[in-house]
Amino acid sequence: DRMAALPAMAAGVEALTLLGDGAFAVTTLDAEGVIQDLFGERAHDRIVLEALPLLRALALPPERLDPLLEAALGSGHDPALRAAANVVAASLLETLPSKGRLHLIAATSRALDDPERASAAAELSSSLAGARVAGNDRSVIVKGTEEEAQAMLRLTCQVACSEQAWREERVAQGAIDALRDLLKSGGGGTWDEDPAEPHRRFVLSHCVEELSTLQQ
């Protein structure tokens, strides 16, 4: 069936893209509901990972990312599937347009306020913050817009100051490490002049706001 054929489709689209004929294949596969198949009731972590080249080739609008987000954040999903979805989401950051990146970050932020999804949201946030540009150690978010950079910093502050972080040391430490990495990731994008300023002030201000909210 089509679900079993997805890895082969992924390889085919990757080959067609290299030959310059990928646009038609991507449009056709997108219309056939690949995303719904991949992250639907029969979702499997191995197939999700094998289909990653296909997902990177697809021109996904923000609303088409929701099945992926559900796989990453859904409380009833198998941990292996959630982990695979996190890998996919982090990898897609490099190829998604700005609206798609912001959609992933905003959905993760909303999930942190849901007790049933908070733990999964903290894991997804860590994956997104840790996404690196292929071939070097630069954060994907660094090369994006100022809005994207601040959204990712805001999300990471939210995780660091969340109830989940107070309960689980690994969550708090992961968020602190992510903030440290994001603030020192220079070498391009909006942070060429100073990779730490004014973002250090932004982080300090926003983390204070988050802590104040938690105390209320």
C-alpha atoms as a PDB file:
ATOM      1  CA  ASP A   1       0.000   0.000   0.000  1.00  0.00           C
ATOM      2  CA  ARG A   2       1.001   3.655  -0.153  1.00  0.00           C
ATOM      3  CA  MET A   3       2.241   3.691   3.446  1.00  0.00           C
ATOM      4  CA  ALA A   4       4.752   0.945   2.721  1.00  0.00           C
ATOM      5  CA  ALA A   5       5.812   2.728  -0.462  1.00  0.00           C
ATOM      6  CA  LEU A   6       6.666   6.024   1.235  1.00  0.00           C
ATOM      7  CA  PRO A   7      10.407   5.315   1.694  1.00  0.00           C
ATOM      8  CA  ALA A   8      10.687   4.469  -2.007  1.00  0.00           C
ATOM      9  CA  MET A   9       8.760   7.643  -2.862  1.00  0.00           C
ATOM     10  CA  ALA A  10      11.233   9.605  -0.738  1.00  0.00           C
ATOM     11  CA  ALA A  11      14.202   8.162  -2.625  1.00  0.00           C
ATOM     12  CA  GLY A  12      12.497   8.835  -5.945  1.00  0.00           C
ATOM     13  CA  VAL A  13      11.751  12.463  -5.149  1.00  0.00           C
ATOM     14  CA  GLU A  14      15.324  12.991  -3.951  1.00  0.00           C
ATOM     15  CA  ALA A  15      16.651  11.565  -7.237  1.00  0.00           C
ATOM     16  CA  LEU A  16      14.218  13.610  -9.345  1.00  0.00           C
ATOM     17  CA  THR A  17      15.176  16.759  -7.472  1.00  0.00           C
ATOM     18  CA  LEU A  18      18.846  16.165  -8.289  1.00  0.00           C
ATOM     19  CA  LEU A  19      17.854  15.781 -11.948  1.00  0.00           C
ATOM     20  CA  GLY A  20      15.830  18.980 -11.885  1.00  0.00           C
ATOM     21  CA  ASP A  21      12.441  17.243 -12.206  1.00  0.00           C
ATOM     22  CA  GLY A  22      11.447  17.212  -8.557  1.00  0.00           C
ATOM     23  CA  ALA A  23       8.815  19.958  -8.634  1.00  0.00           C
ATOM     24  CA  PHE A  24       6.175  17.912 -10.476  1.00  0.00           C
ATOM     25  CA  ALA A  25       6.773  14.835  -8.295  1.00  0.00           C
ATOM     26  CA  VAL A  26       6.530  16.859  -5.112  1.00  0.00           C
ATOM     27  CA  THR A  27       3.283  18.528  -6.207  1.00  0.00           C
ATOM     28  CA  THR A  28       1.738  15.165  -7.104  1.00  0.00           C
ATOM     29  CA  LEU A  29       2.744  13.462  -3.865  1.00  0.00           C
ATOM     30  CA  ASP A  30       1.593  16.399  -1.769  1.00  0.00           C
ATOM     31  CA  ALA A  31      -1.860  16.184  -3.362  1.00  0.00           C
ATOM     32  CA  GLU A  32      -2.062  12.476  -2.524  1.00  0.00           C
ATOM     33  CA  GLY A  33      -1.991  13.189   1.213  1.00  0.00           C
ATOM     34  CA  VAL A  34       1.482  11.938   2.065  1.00  0.00           C
ATOM     35  CA  ILE A  35       1.543  13.790   5.375  1.00  0.00           C
ATOM     36  CA  GLN A  36      -1.721  12.259   6.532  1.00  0.00           C
ATOM     37  CA  ASP A  37      -0.477   8.785   5.582  1.00  0.00           C
ATOM     38  CA  LEU A  38       2.867   9.251   7.264  1.00  0.00           C
ATOM     39  CA  PHE A  39       1.589  10.557  10.601  1.00  0.00           C
ATOM     40  CA  GLY A  40      -1.832   8.899  10.683  1.00  0.00           C
ATOM     41  CA  GLU A  41      -3.097   5.927  12.657  1.00  0.00           C
ATOM     42  CA  ARG A  42      -0.501   3.571  11.172  1.00  0.00           C
ATOM     43  CA  ALA A  43       2.475   5.869  11.767  1.00  0.00           C
ATOM     44  CA  HIS A  44       5.769   4.068  12.402  1.00  0.00           C
ATOM     45  CA  ASP A  45       8.992   5.683  13.572  1.00  0.00           C
ATOM     46  CA  ARG A  46      11.216   3.869  11.037  1.00  0.00           C
ATOM     47  CA  ILE A  47       9.097   4.892   8.059  1.00  0.00           C
ATOM     48  CA  VAL A  48       8.879   8.469   9.349  1.00  0.00           C
ATOM     49  CA  LEU A  49      12.682   8.699   9.421  1.00  0.00           C
ATOM     50  CA  GLU A  50      13.088   7.022   6.024  1.00  0.00           C
ATOM     51  CA  ALA A  51      10.644   9.507   4.494  1.00  0.00           C
ATOM     52  CA  LEU A  52      12.622  12.523   5.742  1.00  0.00           C
ATOM     53  CA  PRO A  53      14.111  13.373   2.293  1.00  0.00           C
ATOM     54  CA  LEU A  54      10.567  13.486   0.910  1.00  0.00           C
ATOM     55  CA  LEU A  55       9.371  15.773   3.693  1.00  0.00           C
ATOM     56  CA  ARG A  56      12.323  18.112   3.158  1.00  0.00           C
ATOM     57  CA  ALA A  57      11.496  18.285  -0.548  1.00  0.00           C
ATOM     58  CA  LEU A  58       7.807  19.063  -0.045  1.00  0.00           C
ATOM     59  CA  ALA A  59       6.823  22.719   0.042  1.00  0.00           C
ATOM     60  CA  LEU A  60       4.759  22.382   3.209  1.00  0.00           C
ATOM     61  CA  PRO A  61       2.514  25.284   4.274  1.00  0.00           C
ATOM     62  CA  PRO A  62       2.203  25.761   8.057  1.00  0.00           C
ATOM     63  CA  GLU A  63      -1.154  23.967   8.376  1.00  0.00           C
ATOM     64  CA  ARG A  64       0.290  20.818   6.770  1.00  0.00           C
ATOM     65  CA  LEU A  65       2.751  20.567   9.680  1.00  0.00           C
ATOM     66  CA  ASP A  66      -0.015  19.826  12.201  1.00  0.00           C
ATOM     67  CA  PRO A  67       0.062  16.004  11.745  1.00  0.00           C
ATOM     68  CA  LEU A  68       3.808  16.100  12.430  1.00  0.00           C
ATOM     69  CA  LEU A  69       3.222  18.213  15.522  1.00  0.00           C
ATOM     70  CA  GLU A  70       0.536  15.840  16.736  1.00  0.00           C
ATOM     71  CA  ALA A  71       2.952  12.924  16.379  1.00  0.00           C
ATOM     72  CA  ALA A  72       5.594  14.827  18.372  1.00  0.00           C
ATOM     73  CA  LEU A  73       3.277  16.173  21.058  1.00  0.00           C
ATOM     74  CA  GLY A  74       0.432  13.660  21.322  1.00  0.00           C
ATOM     75  CA  SER A  75       0.332  12.070  24.757  1.00  0.00           C
ATOM     76  CA  GLY A  76      -0.893   8.734  23.403  1.00  0.00           C
ATOM     77  CA  HIS A  77       1.926   8.191  20.912  1.00  0.00           C
ATOM     78  CA  ASP A  78       4.743   5.707  21.253  1.00  0.00           C
ATOM     79  CA  PRO A  79       7.981   7.328  22.556  1.00  0.00           C
ATOM     80  CA  ALA A  80       9.885   6.074  19.504  1.00  0.00           C
ATOM     81  CA  LEU A  81       7.411   7.812  17.177  1.00  0.00           C
ATOM     82  CA  ARG A  82       7.654  11.045  19.176  1.00  0.00           C
ATOM     83  CA  ALA A  83      11.446  10.881  18.992  1.00  0.00           C
ATOM     84  CA  ALA A  84      11.312  10.332  15.219  1.00  0.00           C
ATOM     85  CA  ALA A  85       8.890  13.234  14.807  1.00  0.00           C
ATOM     86  CA  ASN A  86      11.271  15.449  16.796  1.00  0.00           C
ATOM     87  CA  VAL A  87      14.136  14.524  14.472  1.00  0.00           C
ATOM     88  CA  VAL A  88      11.982  15.353  11.454  1.00  0.00           C
ATOM     89  CA  ALA A  89      10.818  18.688  12.896  1.00  0.00           C
ATOM     90  CA  ALA A  90      14.387  19.761  13.672  1.00  0.00           C
ATOM     91  CA  SER A  91      15.567  18.748  10.205  1.00  0.00           C
ATOM     92  CA  LEU A  92      12.712  20.582   8.499  1.00  0.00           C
ATOM     93  CA  LEU A  93      13.692  23.870  10.170  1.00  0.00           C
ATOM     94  CA  GLU A  94      16.431  24.251   7.574  1.00  0.00           C
ATOM     95  CA  THR A  95      14.089  23.938   4.584  1.00  0.00           C
ATOM     96  CA  LEU A  96      10.837  25.454   5.857  1.00  0.00           C
ATOM     97  CA  PRO A  97       9.896  29.060   5.077  1.00  0.00           C
ATOM     98  CA  SER A  98       9.706  31.490   7.967  1.00  0.00           C
ATOM     99  CA  LYS A  99       5.958  30.963   8.546  1.00  0.00           C
ATOM    100  CA  GLY A 100       6.538  27.224   8.919  1.00  0.00           C
ATOM    101  CA  ARG A 101       9.345  27.710  11.448  1.00  0.00           C
ATOM    102  CA  LEU A 102       7.248  30.107  13.486  1.00  0.00           C
ATOM    103  CA  HIS A 103       4.305  27.674  13.349  1.00  0.00           C
ATOM    104  CA  LEU A 104       6.429  24.875  14.853  1.00  0.00           C
ATOM    105  CA  ILE A 105       7.721  27.144  17.605  1.00  0.00           C
ATOM    106  CA  ALA A 106       4.297  28.587  18.455  1.00  0.00           C
ATOM    107  CA  ALA A 107       2.635  25.157  18.608  1.00  0.00           C
ATOM    108  CA  THR A 108       5.380  23.889  20.925  1.00  0.00           C
ATOM    109  CA  SER A 109       4.909  26.917  23.166  1.00  0.00           C
ATOM    110  CA  ARG A 110       1.151  26.310  23.438  1.00  0.00           C
ATOM    111  CA  ALA A 111       1.724  22.639  24.269  1.00  0.00           C
ATOM    112  CA  LEU A 112       3.913  23.586  27.235  1.00  0.00           C
ATOM    113  CA  ASP A 113       0.803  24.960  28.926  1.00  0.00           C
ATOM    114  CA  ASP A 114      -0.986  21.609  28.585  1.00  0.00           C
ATOM    115  CA  PRO A 115      -0.042  19.277  31.479  1.00  0.00           C
ATOM    116  CA  GLU A 116      -0.540  16.207  29.282  1.00  0.00           C
ATOM    117  CA  ARG A 117       1.795  17.561  26.584  1.00  0.00           C
ATOM    118  CA  ALA A 118       4.312  19.578  28.572  1.00  0.00           C
ATOM    119  CA  SER A 119       6.967  16.863  28.762  1.00  0.00           C
ATOM    120  CA  ALA A 120       6.761  16.134  25.028  1.00  0.00           C
ATOM    121  CA  ALA A 121       6.819  19.875  24.288  1.00  0.00           C
ATOM    122  CA  ALA A 122      10.016  20.305  26.313  1.00  0.00           C
ATOM    123  CA  GLU A 123      11.636  17.517  24.280  1.00  0.00           C
ATOM    124  CA  LEU A 124      10.502  19.060  20.983  1.00  0.00           C
ATOM    125  CA  SER A 125      11.766  22.482  22.071  1.00  0.00           C
ATOM    126  CA  SER A 126      15.185  20.989  22.775  1.00  0.00           C
ATOM    127  CA  SER A 127      15.247  19.385  19.319  1.00  0.00           C
ATOM    128  CA  LEU A 128      14.275  22.642  17.587  1.00  0.00           C
ATOM    129  CA  ALA A 129      16.828  24.697  19.530  1.00  0.00           C
ATOM    130  CA  GLY A 130      19.528  22.153  18.704  1.00  0.00           C
ATOM    131  CA  ALA A 131      18.906  22.108  14.940  1.00  0.00           C
ATOM    132  CA  ARG A 132      22.112  22.865  13.060  1.00  0.00           C
ATOM    133  CA  VAL A 133      22.827  23.951   9.504  1.00  0.00           C
ATOM    134  CA  ALA A 134      24.078  20.997   7.460  1.00  0.00           C
ATOM    135  CA  GLY A 135      27.848  21.018   7.236  1.00  0.00           C
ATOM    136  CA  ASN A 136      28.602  23.329  10.170  1.00  0.00           C
ATOM    137  CA  ASP A 137      27.763  23.974  13.816  1.00  0.00           C
ATOM    138  CA  ARG A 138      25.586  27.061  13.349  1.00  0.00           C
ATOM    139  CA  SER A 139      22.068  27.078  14.736  1.00  0.00           C
ATOM    140  CA  VAL A 140      19.441  27.018  11.980  1.00  0.00           C
ATOM    141  CA  ILE A 141      17.523  29.747  13.793  1.00  0.00           C
ATOM    142  CA  VAL A 142      20.575  32.051  13.729  1.00  0.00           C
ATOM    143  CA  LYS A 143      20.372  32.402   9.956  1.00  0.00           C
ATOM    144  CA  GLY A 144      16.660  33.221  10.098  1.00  0.00           C
ATOM    145  CA  THR A 145      14.825  36.438  10.822  1.00  0.00           C
ATOM    146  CA  GLU A 146      14.869  38.437  14.032  1.00  0.00           C
ATOM    147  CA  GLU A 147      11.289  37.306  14.680  1.00  0.00           C
ATOM    148  CA  GLU A 148      12.344  33.654  14.447  1.00  0.00           C
ATOM    149  CA  ALA A 149      15.347  34.180  16.718  1.00  0.00           C
ATOM    150  CA  GLN A 150      13.273  35.879  19.392  1.00  0.00           C
ATOM    151  CA  ALA A 151      10.500  33.266  19.122  1.00  0.00           C
ATOM    152  CA  MET A 152      13.019  30.454  19.709  1.00  0.00           C
ATOM    153  CA  LEU A 153      14.661  32.292  22.597  1.00  0.00           C
ATOM    154  CA  ARG A 154      11.233  32.983  24.107  1.00  0.00           C
ATOM    155  CA  LEU A 155      10.274  29.317  23.810  1.00  0.00           C
ATOM    156  CA  THR A 156      13.519  28.176  25.425  1.00  0.00           C
ATOM    157  CA  CYS A 157      13.019  30.637  28.289  1.00  0.00           C
ATOM    158  CA  GLN A 158       9.491  29.294  28.688  1.00  0.00           C
ATOM    159  CA  VAL A 159      10.845  25.757  29.018  1.00  0.00           C
ATOM    160  CA  ALA A 160      13.576  26.807  31.464  1.00  0.00           C
ATOM    161  CA  CYS A 161      11.008  28.502  33.716  1.00  0.00           C
ATOM    162  CA  SER A 162       8.240  25.931  33.322  1.00  0.00           C
ATOM    163  CA  GLU A 163       6.807  23.663  35.983  1.00  0.00           C
ATOM    164  CA  GLN A 164       8.237  20.797  33.964  1.00  0.00           C
ATOM    165  CA  ALA A 165      11.740  22.189  34.508  1.00  0.00           C
ATOM    166  CA  TRP A 166      11.124  22.525  38.236  1.00  0.00           C
ATOM    167  CA  ARG A 167      10.076  18.867  38.384  1.00  0.00           C
ATOM    168  CA  GLU A 168      12.736  17.427  36.067  1.00  0.00           C
ATOM    169  CA  GLU A 169      16.355  18.530  36.307  1.00  0.00           C
ATOM    170  CA  ARG A 170      17.122  17.225  32.813  1.00  0.00           C
ATOM    171  CA  VAL A 171      14.509  19.581  31.330  1.00  0.00           C
ATOM    172  CA  ALA A 172      15.931  22.598  33.151  1.00  0.00           C
ATOM    173  CA  GLN A 173      19.511  21.718  32.220  1.00  0.00           C
ATOM    174  CA  GLY A 174      18.540  21.073  28.604  1.00  0.00           C
ATOM    175  CA  ALA A 175      16.882  24.484  28.327  1.00  0.00           C
ATOM    176  CA  ILE A 176      19.845  26.245  29.958  1.00  0.00           C
ATOM    177  CA  ASP A 177      22.271  24.495  27.589  1.00  0.00           C
ATOM    178  CA  ALA A 178      20.053  25.432  24.629  1.00  0.00           C
ATOM    179  CA  LEU A 179      20.006  29.106  25.654  1.00  0.00           C
ATOM    180  CA  ARG A 180      23.780  29.088  26.010  1.00  0.00           C
ATOM    181  CA  ASP A 181      24.216  27.583  22.550  1.00  0.00           C
ATOM    182  CA  LEU A 182      21.722  29.950  20.914  1.00  0.00           C
ATOM    183  CA  LEU A 183      23.351  33.028  22.434  1.00  0.00           C
ATOM    184  CA  LYS A 184      26.851  32.092  21.303  1.00  0.00           C
ATOM    185  CA  SER A 185      25.825  31.002  17.772  1.00  0.00           C
ATOM    186  CA  GLY A 186      27.266  33.804  15.680  1.00  0.00           C
ATOM    187  CA  GLY A 187      28.712  33.798  12.209  1.00  0.00           C
ATOM    188  CA  GLY A 188      25.746  34.884  10.130  1.00  0.00           C
ATOM    189  CA  GLY A 189      22.122  35.889   9.967  1.00  0.00           C
ATOM    190  CA  THR A 190      20.876  38.602  12.285  1.00  0.00           C
ATOM    191  CA  TRP A 191      23.619  38.142  14.885  1.00  0.00           C
ATOM    192  CA  ASP A 192      26.740  38.997  12.853  1.00  0.00           C
ATOM    193  CA  GLU A 193      27.779  42.050  14.831  1.00  0.00           C
ATOM    194  CA  ASP A 194      27.405  40.516  18.298  1.00  0.00           C
ATOM    195  CA  PRO A 195      26.056  37.000  18.834  1.00  0.00           C
ATOM    196  CA  ALA A 196      25.112  37.742  22.450  1.00  0.00           C
ATOM    197  CA  GLU A 197      23.729  41.298  22.443  1.00  0.00           C
ATOM    198  CA  PRO A 198      20.945  42.463  22.398  1.00  0.00           C
ATOM    199  CA  HIS A 199      19.665  38.876  22.738  1.00  0.00           C
ATOM    200  CA  ARG A 200      21.174  38.470  26.195  1.00  0.00           C
ATOM    201  CA  ARG A 201      19.014  41.351  27.432  1.00  0.00           C
ATOM    202  CA  PHE A 202      16.001  39.857  25.662  1.00  0.00           C
ATOM    203  CA  VAL A 203      16.547  36.480  27.353  1.00  0.00           C
ATOM    204  CA  LEU A 204      17.036  38.033  30.785  1.00  0.00           C
ATOM    205  CA  SER A 205      13.889  40.145  30.474  1.00  0.00           C
ATOM    206  CA  HIS A 206      11.748  37.319  29.159  1.00  0.00           C
ATOM    207  CA  CYS A 207      12.942  34.763  31.704  1.00  0.00           C
ATOM    208  CA  VAL A 208      12.103  37.207  34.504  1.00  0.00           C
ATOM    209  CA  GLU A 209       8.606  37.566  33.023  1.00  0.00           C
ATOM    210  CA  GLU A 210       8.214  33.786  32.845  1.00  0.00           C
ATOM    211  CA  LEU A 211       9.330  33.344  36.468  1.00  0.00           C
ATOM    212  CA  SER A 212       6.903  36.028  37.595  1.00  0.00           C
ATOM    213  CA  THR A 213       4.070  34.269  35.805  1.00  0.00           C
ATOM    214  CA  LEU A 214       5.006  30.936  37.408  1.00  0.00           C
ATOM    215  CA  GLN A 215       4.884  32.454  40.899  1.00  0.00           C
ATOM    216  CA  GLN A 216       1.324  33.789  40.433  1.00  0.00           C
END
